[in-house]
């Protein structure tokens, strides 16, 4: 089960996708990423059927880059991969339980 919030394709902001408010400097970085994605997608750099999106992983609050097929909404590639996000979330939980 994926725990990421869609960001760019739905027209949301990265800050709105995260559960807690982001510091102003991080929110500014996210706005820059949104502008970059909006500039890149019309160029069809990833092909006519594909678009670049950013999502925020709910558990780790890390940005995730995805290439999605526009017609089928199929995930073509994701960076970092889902298994690394889950590993990071598990490590974070383990470190909290040890405190």
Protein backbone atom coordinates (compact mmCIF):
# COMPACT_ATOMS: atom_id res chain seq x y z
CA UNK A 1 0.00 0.00 0.00
CA UNK A 2 1.47 3.33 -1.07
CA UNK A 3 1.59 6.17 1.42
CA UNK A 4 2.34 9.05 -0.90
CA UNK A 5 0.25 12.11 -1.57
CA UNK A 6 -0.01 13.21 -5.20
CA UNK A 7 1.27 16.70 -5.75
CA UNK A 8 1.85 18.29 -9.11
CA UNK A 9 -0.54 16.52 -11.44
CA UNK A 10 -3.50 17.25 -9.23
CA UNK A 11 -2.50 20.90 -9.00
CA UNK A 12 -1.83 20.71 -5.27
CA UNK A 13 1.21 22.19 -3.61
CA UNK A 14 3.84 20.10 -1.91
CA UNK A 15 3.23 21.94 1.35
CA UNK A 16 -0.47 21.04 1.28
CA UNK A 17 0.33 17.39 0.67
CA UNK A 18 2.32 17.02 3.89
CA UNK A 19 0.43 16.52 7.14
CA UNK A 20 2.22 19.19 9.19
CA UNK A 21 3.21 22.73 8.18
CA UNK A 22 6.60 22.99 6.55
CA UNK A 23 9.26 25.51 7.51
CA UNK A 24 9.28 28.53 5.14
CA UNK A 25 12.58 27.57 3.49
CA UNK A 26 11.33 24.05 2.68
CA UNK A 27 8.00 25.41 1.43
CA UNK A 28 9.94 27.78 -0.87
CA UNK A 29 11.97 24.85 -2.24
CA UNK A 30 8.76 22.94 -2.91
CA UNK A 31 7.29 25.90 -4.80
CA UNK A 32 10.44 26.00 -6.96
CA UNK A 33 10.05 22.29 -7.72
CA UNK A 34 6.43 22.81 -8.74
CA UNK A 35 7.47 25.59 -11.12
CA UNK A 36 10.19 23.34 -12.58
CA UNK A 37 7.74 20.47 -13.12
CA UNK A 38 5.25 22.79 -14.80
CA UNK A 39 8.03 23.99 -17.12
CA UNK A 40 9.36 20.49 -17.92
CA UNK A 41 6.13 18.62 -18.64
CA UNK A 42 5.05 20.64 -21.72
CA UNK A 43 8.45 19.94 -23.34
CA UNK A 44 7.60 16.22 -23.47
CA UNK A 45 11.11 15.47 -22.26
CA UNK A 46 9.88 12.11 -20.96
CA UNK A 47 7.84 11.34 -24.08
CA UNK A 48 4.45 12.37 -25.36
CA UNK A 49 2.56 10.04 -23.04
CA UNK A 50 4.56 10.65 -19.87
CA UNK A 51 4.76 13.37 -17.26
CA UNK A 52 6.98 14.12 -14.32
CA UNK A 53 5.32 14.40 -10.91
CA UNK A 54 6.47 14.96 -7.37
CA UNK A 55 4.81 13.43 -4.34
CA UNK A 56 5.46 13.60 -0.62
CA UNK A 57 5.74 10.32 1.24
CA UNK A 58 3.42 10.54 4.26
CA UNK A 59 5.61 8.54 6.62
CA UNK A 60 9.06 9.91 5.80
CA UNK A 61 7.96 13.32 4.40
CA UNK A 62 10.53 12.82 1.66
CA UNK A 63 9.99 14.04 -1.86
CA UNK A 64 9.43 11.30 -4.41
CA UNK A 65 9.91 11.84 -8.14
CA UNK A 66 7.64 9.84 -10.43
CA UNK A 67 7.26 9.43 -14.15
CA UNK A 68 3.64 8.58 -14.93
CA UNK A 69 1.90 7.50 -18.14
CA UNK A 70 -0.65 10.28 -18.77
CA UNK A 71 -3.15 7.97 -20.47
CA UNK A 72 -3.19 5.08 -17.99
CA UNK A 73 -1.80 6.79 -14.84
CA UNK A 74 0.61 3.84 -14.67
CA UNK A 75 3.78 4.40 -12.67
CA UNK A 76 6.74 4.04 -15.02
CA UNK A 77 9.58 4.98 -12.67
CA UNK A 78 9.92 6.28 -9.12
CA UNK A 79 12.91 7.75 -7.31
CA UNK A 80 13.53 6.70 -4.57
CA UNK A 81 11.86 3.32 -5.05
CA UNK A 82 9.01 2.31 -2.74
CA UNK A 83 11.12 -0.28 -0.90
CA UNK A 84 13.63 2.41 0.13
CA UNK A 85 10.85 4.65 1.42
CA UNK A 86 9.48 1.78 3.52
CA UNK A 87 12.98 0.99 4.80
CA UNK A 88 13.47 4.64 5.82
CA UNK A 89 10.09 4.66 7.57
CA UNK A 90 10.91 1.43 9.41
CA UNK A 91 14.31 2.75 10.51
CA UNK A 92 12.66 5.95 11.74
CA UNK A 93 10.14 3.93 13.78
CA UNK A 94 12.91 1.76 15.22
CA UNK A 95 14.98 4.77 16.27
CA UNK A 96 11.93 6.30 18.01
CA UNK A 97 11.23 3.08 19.92
CA UNK A 98 14.83 2.94 21.16
CA UNK A 99 14.65 6.41 22.70
